């Protein structure tokens, strides 16, 4: 594959080979990119956590995520489908500057713009990193397509902190996108907001900008299918939809390895169900998963959750392929 300026091979790679002729693992399915090959989806790693408000080792997530690939197969039992109908490649990691967050964000934006331009038929799935990466990813997507982009955000937090108070961080991506004119407020749906994780002033900001917010309690009361269906209807006028999963939307009992753990969160089944539904929606054009810190995790429990989220989302992409 012709090099992309700010992409380099992943820190963790597999030598290949097949241990069981009747089983395909993720490590066997996800290829190293080949020249002129056509891929249905690609994986991008963004190992950035310096921009996290609280201490975070989320830069370790892409590497840990890849290390688990030999442990999972490409077969979804309940849906009776196998990912081998899709062709996937690991495009590697976006280069990060040692100290300069602004340079890191420029590299992310330029990489997503080039990937979206050169591989317009390939679905990019990004493994973060902290949530600050979502703003440059969507900016890069916007620069490549020029389309009206909607966002479905799963998160315990609004992520609309004031950019003048601390600069771009994992608490600012949504505000960054709105104030830069990249995305309209009414084209954003945030699902999973928790009590005691936000402020009234930031709620006022979100409501003033037209951001539609659904709390975790509302999800538990109404059911996740109803909530996701509502989000899809609201964003139907958009040309394409970007989905971002902050893993801290889940309850702390499921994900000990996220920086902002808290009770009253969503369940893995709710997030997995959403991932299948949104992966199968043709309007969705890109996805990311952020805010897993393997350095404080237990037996990679939280990374295994994010990997299963990836697997369920790809299951949705396979359902599109079958139509």
Protein backbone atom coordinates (compact mmCIF):
# COMPACT_ATOMS: atom_id res chain seq x y z
CA UNK A 1 0.00 0.00 0.00
CA UNK A 2 1.30 3.46 -0.88
CA UNK A 3 2.38 5.06 2.42
CA UNK A 4 0.10 7.52 4.23
CA UNK A 5 2.22 10.28 5.73
CA UNK A 6 1.30 10.01 9.41
CA UNK A 7 0.55 6.27 9.56
CA UNK A 8 3.09 3.67 10.64
CA UNK A 9 2.81 -0.08 11.30
CA UNK A 10 1.13 -1.06 14.55
CA UNK A 11 3.36 -1.70 17.57
CA UNK A 12 1.87 -5.20 17.84
CA UNK A 13 1.66 -7.33 14.71
CA UNK A 14 1.06 -10.99 13.93
CA UNK A 15 3.32 -13.22 11.88
CA UNK A 16 0.43 -15.10 10.29
CA UNK A 17 -0.22 -18.81 10.11
CA UNK A 18 -3.28 -20.88 10.97
CA UNK A 19 -3.49 -23.08 14.05
CA UNK A 20 -6.84 -24.75 13.27
CA UNK A 21 -8.06 -25.21 9.68
CA UNK A 22 -11.69 -25.09 10.85
CA UNK A 23 -11.46 -21.82 12.79
CA UNK A 24 -10.62 -18.28 11.65
CA UNK A 25 -9.43 -15.90 14.36
CA UNK A 26 -9.39 -12.13 14.09
CA UNK A 27 -5.59 -12.26 13.85
CA UNK A 28 -5.95 -14.43 10.75
CA UNK A 29 -8.80 -12.41 9.23
CA UNK A 30 -7.43 -8.85 9.60
CA UNK A 31 -4.66 -8.46 7.01
CA UNK A 32 -1.62 -6.31 6.67
CA UNK A 33 -2.55 -3.84 3.90
CA UNK A 34 -1.60 -4.90 0.39
CA UNK A 35 -0.93 -2.71 -2.64
CA UNK A 36 -4.08 -1.94 -4.65
CA UNK A 37 -6.24 -4.24 -2.50
CA UNK A 38 -9.89 -3.34 -1.89
CA UNK A 39 -10.98 -3.52 1.74
CA UNK A 40 -14.45 -3.38 3.25
CA UNK A 41 -13.10 -2.01 6.52
CA UNK A 42 -9.84 -0.86 8.05
CA UNK A 43 -8.60 -0.50 11.61
CA UNK A 44 -6.74 2.65 12.66
CA UNK A 45 -4.99 3.00 16.00
CA UNK A 46 -4.68 6.40 17.69
CA UNK A 47 -2.51 5.97 20.82
CA UNK A 48 -3.11 9.38 22.40
CA UNK A 49 -3.95 10.00 26.06
CA UNK A 50 -1.94 13.13 26.93
CA UNK A 51 -5.09 15.16 26.22
CA UNK A 52 -7.09 13.39 28.94
CA UNK A 53 -8.32 15.61 31.79
CA UNK A 54 -7.70 12.85 34.33
CA UNK A 55 -4.71 10.51 34.28
CA UNK A 56 -5.15 7.95 31.51
CA UNK A 57 -3.13 5.19 29.89
CA UNK A 58 -5.59 5.01 26.98
CA UNK A 59 -2.65 5.26 24.57
CA UNK A 60 -2.09 1.57 25.42
CA UNK A 61 -5.54 0.54 24.21
CA UNK A 62 -4.78 0.02 20.48
CA UNK A 63 -1.88 -2.31 21.29
CA UNK A 64 -3.85 -4.29 23.90
CA UNK A 65 -6.84 -4.44 21.54
CA UNK A 66 -4.69 -6.08 18.85
CA UNK A 67 -3.06 -8.51 21.30
CA UNK A 68 -6.50 -10.05 21.93
CA UNK A 69 -7.19 -10.82 18.26
CA UNK A 70 -5.97 -14.45 18.42
CA UNK A 71 -8.47 -15.13 21.24
CA UNK A 72 -11.65 -14.44 19.26
CA UNK A 73 -13.13 -15.93 16.10
CA UNK A 74 -14.93 -14.33 13.18
CA UNK A 75 -18.18 -16.26 13.77
CA UNK A 76 -21.29 -14.68 15.36
CA UNK A 77 -23.35 -17.54 16.78
CA UNK A 78 -26.72 -15.82 17.29
CA UNK A 79 -26.73 -14.23 13.84
CA UNK A 80 -25.10 -17.26 12.17
CA UNK A 81 -22.69 -15.16 10.12
CA UNK A 82 -18.97 -15.12 9.55
CA UNK A 83 -16.88 -12.00 8.99
CA UNK A 84 -14.87 -13.68 6.25
CA UNK A 85 -17.45 -12.31 3.81
CA UNK A 86 -15.69 -8.96 4.44
CA UNK A 87 -12.07 -8.07 3.78
CA UNK A 88 -10.35 -6.16 6.58
CA UNK A 89 -6.90 -4.61 7.04
CA UNK A 90 -4.98 -3.06 9.90
CA UNK A 91 -3.70 0.24 8.56
CA UNK A 92 -1.55 0.82 11.66
CA UNK A 93 -1.25 3.69 14.12
CA UNK A 94 -1.34 7.44 13.59
CA UNK A 95 1.99 8.99 14.60
CA UNK A 96 1.84 10.91 17.87
CA UNK A 97 4.12 13.78 18.90
CA UNK A 98 5.79 13.19 22.25
CA UNK A 99 4.52 16.41 23.85
CA UNK A 100 2.51 18.49 21.35
CA UNK A 101 -1.21 17.66 21.44
CA UNK A 102 -2.03 20.10 18.61
CA UNK A 103 0.40 18.26 16.33
CA UNK A 104 -1.16 14.92 17.33
CA UNK A 105 -4.60 16.25 16.42
CA UNK A 106 -3.36 17.57 13.05
CA UNK A 107 -1.86 14.16 12.28
CA UNK A 108 -5.16 12.47 13.14
CA UNK A 109 -7.20 14.87 10.99
CA UNK A 110 -4.86 14.58 8.00
CA UNK A 111 -4.78 10.79 8.27
CA UNK A 112 -8.55 10.46 8.35
CA UNK A 113 -8.87 12.86 5.44
CA UNK A 114 -6.41 10.85 3.35
CA UNK A 115 -7.87 7.47 4.31
CA UNK A 116 -11.41 8.70 3.53
CA UNK A 117 -10.26 10.08 0.18
CA UNK A 118 -8.01 7.26 -1.04
CA UNK A 119 -10.15 4.46 0.38
CA UNK A 120 -13.61 5.92 -0.08
CA UNK A 121 -15.24 2.45 -0.16
CA UNK A 122 -13.47 1.30 3.02
CA UNK A 123 -15.18 1.72 6.41
CA UNK A 124 -12.72 3.19 8.97
CA UNK A 125 -12.90 1.96 12.57
CA UNK A 126 -10.61 3.85 14.94
CA UNK A 127 -9.30 2.51 18.24
CA UNK A 128 -8.37 5.27 20.70
CA UNK A 129 -6.90 6.82 22.69
CA UNK A 130 -8.91 9.35 24.67
CA UNK A 131 -12.05 11.07 23.42
CA UNK A 132 -10.22 14.18 22.17
CA UNK A 133 -9.40 12.19 19.01
CA UNK A 134 -13.02 12.23 17.82
CA UNK A 135 -12.93 15.92 16.88
CA UNK A 136 -9.98 15.67 14.43
CA UNK A 137 -11.30 12.37 13.08
CA UNK A 138 -14.63 13.95 12.14
CA UNK A 139 -12.90 17.08 10.83
CA UNK A 140 -10.82 14.87 8.57
CA UNK A 141 -13.91 13.05 7.41
CA UNK A 142 -15.65 16.38 6.70
CA UNK A 143 -12.64 17.68 4.73
CA UNK A 144 -12.68 14.53 2.59
CA UNK A 145 -16.39 14.31 1.83
CA UNK A 146 -17.81 17.81 2.38
CA UNK A 147 -21.01 16.13 3.57
CA UNK A 148 -23.41 16.99 6.37
CA UNK A 149 -22.29 14.71 9.22
CA UNK A 150 -24.42 13.60 12.14
CA UNK A 151 -23.04 12.12 15.35
CA UNK A 152 -24.36 9.43 17.66
CA UNK A 153 -22.30 9.56 20.83
CA UNK A 154 -22.47 6.97 23.61
CA UNK A 155 -20.99 8.63 26.67
CA UNK A 156 -21.48 9.38 30.36
CA UNK A 157 -20.36 12.96 29.63
CA UNK A 158 -21.53 15.70 27.27
CA UNK A 159 -17.95 16.53 26.21
CA UNK A 160 -18.81 20.21 25.74
CA UNK A 161 -16.26 21.70 28.13
CA UNK A 162 -15.06 25.22 27.35
CA UNK A 163 -12.15 25.11 24.89
CA UNK A 164 -10.69 28.28 26.42
CA UNK A 165 -10.38 26.50 29.76
CA UNK A 166 -7.59 23.99 29.26
CA UNK A 167 -7.64 23.67 25.48
CA UNK A 168 -8.78 20.66 23.42
CA UNK A 169 -9.08 17.61 25.66
CA UNK A 170 -11.15 14.48 26.06
CA UNK A 171 -13.83 16.71 27.58
CA UNK A 172 -14.18 18.99 24.54
CA UNK A 173 -14.67 17.05 21.25
CA UNK A 174 -18.37 17.82 20.81
CA UNK A 175 -17.98 21.52 21.57
CA UNK A 176 -14.92 21.60 19.32
CA UNK A 177 -16.95 20.23 16.41
CA UNK A 178 -19.90 22.56 16.99
CA UNK A 179 -17.86 25.75 17.44
CA UNK A 180 -15.64 24.97 14.45
CA UNK A 181 -18.77 24.64 12.28
CA UNK A 182 -17.91 21.05 11.42
CA UNK A 183 -21.18 19.65 12.79
CA UNK A 184 -24.49 21.30 13.64
CA UNK A 185 -25.75 20.91 17.19
CA UNK A 186 -29.10 19.50 16.05
CA UNK A 187 -27.19 16.77 14.20
CA UNK A 188 -25.81 15.32 17.45
CA UNK A 189 -27.46 12.71 19.69
CA UNK A 190 -25.73 11.78 22.95
CA UNK A 191 -26.83 8.59 24.71
CA UNK A 192 -25.92 7.44 28.22
CA UNK A 193 -25.43 10.67 30.18
CA UNK A 194 -25.05 9.88 33.91
CA UNK A 195 -25.96 11.71 37.08
CA UNK A 196 -23.13 13.57 38.84
CA UNK A 197 -20.87 13.49 35.77
CA UNK A 198 -21.84 16.83 34.15
CA UNK A 199 -22.85 20.38 35.09
CA UNK A 200 -25.95 22.54 34.67
CA UNK A 201 -23.98 25.14 32.65
CA UNK A 202 -22.82 22.51 30.16
CA UNK A 203 -26.36 21.14 29.98
CA UNK A 204 -27.52 24.67 29.14
CA UNK A 205 -24.90 24.83 26.36
CA UNK A 206 -25.94 21.50 24.87
CA UNK A 207 -29.62 22.41 24.94
CA UNK A 208 -28.96 25.85 23.43
CA UNK A 209 -27.08 24.22 20.53
CA UNK A 210 -29.88 21.74 19.89
CA UNK A 211 -27.95 18.63 20.96
CA UNK A 212 -30.38 15.84 21.82
CA UNK A 213 -29.43 14.10 25.06
CA UNK A 214 -30.75 10.81 26.42
CA UNK A 215 -29.64 9.81 29.92
CA UNK A 216 -28.65 6.34 31.06
CA UNK A 217 -31.76 6.21 33.24
CA UNK A 218 -33.93 6.97 30.21
CA UNK A 219 -32.22 4.14 28.34
CA UNK A 220 -32.98 1.72 31.17
CA UNK A 221 -36.60 2.92 31.33
CA UNK A 222 -37.37 3.06 27.60
CA UNK A 223 -35.11 0.32 26.28
CA UNK A 224 -32.08 0.70 24.05
CA UNK A 225 -33.89 -0.24 20.82
CA UNK A 226 -36.35 2.63 21.23
CA UNK A 227 -33.55 5.10 21.96
CA UNK A 228 -31.38 4.08 19.01
CA UNK A 229 -34.37 4.13 16.64
CA UNK A 230 -35.16 7.68 17.80
CA UNK A 231 -31.54 8.74 17.21
CA UNK A 232 -31.59 7.31 13.70
CA UNK A 233 -34.82 9.12 12.85
CA UNK A 234 -33.43 12.42 14.12
CA UNK A 235 -30.30 12.10 11.99
CA UNK A 236 -32.02 10.92 8.83
CA UNK A 237 -31.56 14.37 7.18
CA UNK A 238 -27.75 14.02 7.50
CA UNK A 239 -25.71 12.74 4.57
CA UNK A 240 -23.74 10.40 6.79
CA UNK A 241 -23.47 9.54 10.50
CA UNK A 242 -20.38 9.07 12.64
CA UNK A 243 -20.70 6.84 15.73
CA UNK A 244 -18.42 7.33 18.73
CA UNK A 245 -18.40 4.95 21.70
CA UNK A 246 -16.85 6.25 24.90
CA UNK A 247 -16.54 3.06 26.91
CA UNK A 248 -17.21 4.99 30.13
CA UNK A 249 -20.88 5.01 29.09
CA UNK A 250 -20.91 1.52 30.60
CA UNK A 251 -21.46 0.86 34.28
CA UNK A 252 -18.29 0.63 36.35
CA UNK A 253 -19.06 -2.98 37.27
CA UNK A 254 -18.35 -3.99 33.65
CA UNK A 255 -15.35 -1.80 32.78
CA UNK A 256 -12.86 -1.32 35.63
CA UNK A 257 -10.28 -0.11 33.11
CA UNK A 258 -11.78 3.23 32.11
CA UNK A 259 -10.55 6.50 33.63
CA UNK A 260 -14.01 7.86 34.50
CA UNK A 261 -15.74 4.85 36.05
CA UNK A 262 -19.12 5.39 37.66
CA UNK A 263 -22.36 3.62 38.63
CA UNK A 264 -25.74 3.74 36.87
CA UNK A 265 -24.19 3.25 33.44
CA UNK A 266 -25.29 1.20 30.45
CA UNK A 267 -24.85 -2.56 30.14
CA UNK A 268 -22.67 -4.35 27.59
CA UNK A 269 -25.76 -5.96 26.01
CA UNK A 270 -27.28 -2.49 25.46
CA UNK A 271 -24.10 -1.25 23.79
CA UNK A 272 -23.63 -4.44 21.74
CA UNK A 273 -27.22 -4.31 20.50
CA UNK A 274 -26.73 -0.67 19.47
CA UNK A 275 -23.52 -1.57 17.67
CA UNK A 276 -25.20 -4.24 15.53
CA UNK A 277 -28.08 -1.91 14.64
CA UNK A 278 -25.83 1.02 13.73
CA UNK A 279 -23.32 -1.15 11.89
CA UNK A 280 -26.18 -2.34 9.69
CA UNK A 281 -27.36 1.23 8.94
CA UNK A 282 -26.02 2.31 5.56
CA UNK A 283 -25.90 5.96 6.64
CA UNK A 284 -23.16 5.26 9.18
CA UNK A 285 -19.77 5.97 7.59
CA UNK A 286 -17.19 5.67 10.40
CA UNK A 287 -16.87 4.62 14.05
CA UNK A 288 -14.47 5.01 16.95
CA UNK A 289 -14.05 3.53 20.44
CA UNK A 290 -12.22 5.49 23.13
CA UNK A 291 -11.22 5.80 26.78
CA UNK A 292 -10.04 2.35 27.79
CA UNK A 293 -6.96 2.35 30.04
CA UNK A 294 -5.33 -1.11 30.08
CA UNK A 295 -2.86 0.01 32.78
CA UNK A 296 -5.62 -0.02 35.44
CA UNK A 297 -7.65 -2.90 34.00
CA UNK A 298 -8.03 -6.45 35.33
CA UNK A 299 -7.23 -9.29 32.91
CA UNK A 300 -8.03 -6.95 29.99
CA UNK A 301 -11.73 -7.04 30.93
CA UNK A 302 -12.42 -3.55 29.59
CA UNK A 303 -10.50 -4.11 26.35
CA UNK A 304 -12.41 -7.35 25.86
CA UNK A 305 -15.60 -5.28 26.13
CA UNK A 306 -14.36 -2.82 23.50
CA UNK A 307 -13.31 -5.71 21.26
CA UNK A 308 -16.75 -7.30 21.55
CA UNK A 309 -18.24 -3.90 20.71
CA UNK A 310 -16.10 -3.92 17.56
CA UNK A 311 -17.24 -7.48 16.78
CA UNK A 312 -20.91 -6.61 17.13
CA UNK A 313 -20.49 -3.51 14.98
CA UNK A 314 -18.78 -5.55 12.26
CA UNK A 315 -21.68 -8.01 12.52
CA UNK A 316 -23.91 -5.13 11.46
CA UNK A 317 -21.61 -4.36 8.53
CA UNK A 318 -21.92 -8.01 7.50
CA UNK A 319 -25.71 -7.72 7.57
CA UNK A 320 -25.41 -4.82 5.12
CA UNK A 321 -23.26 -7.00 2.88
CA UNK A 322 -25.94 -9.71 2.88
CA UNK A 323 -28.68 -7.34 1.68
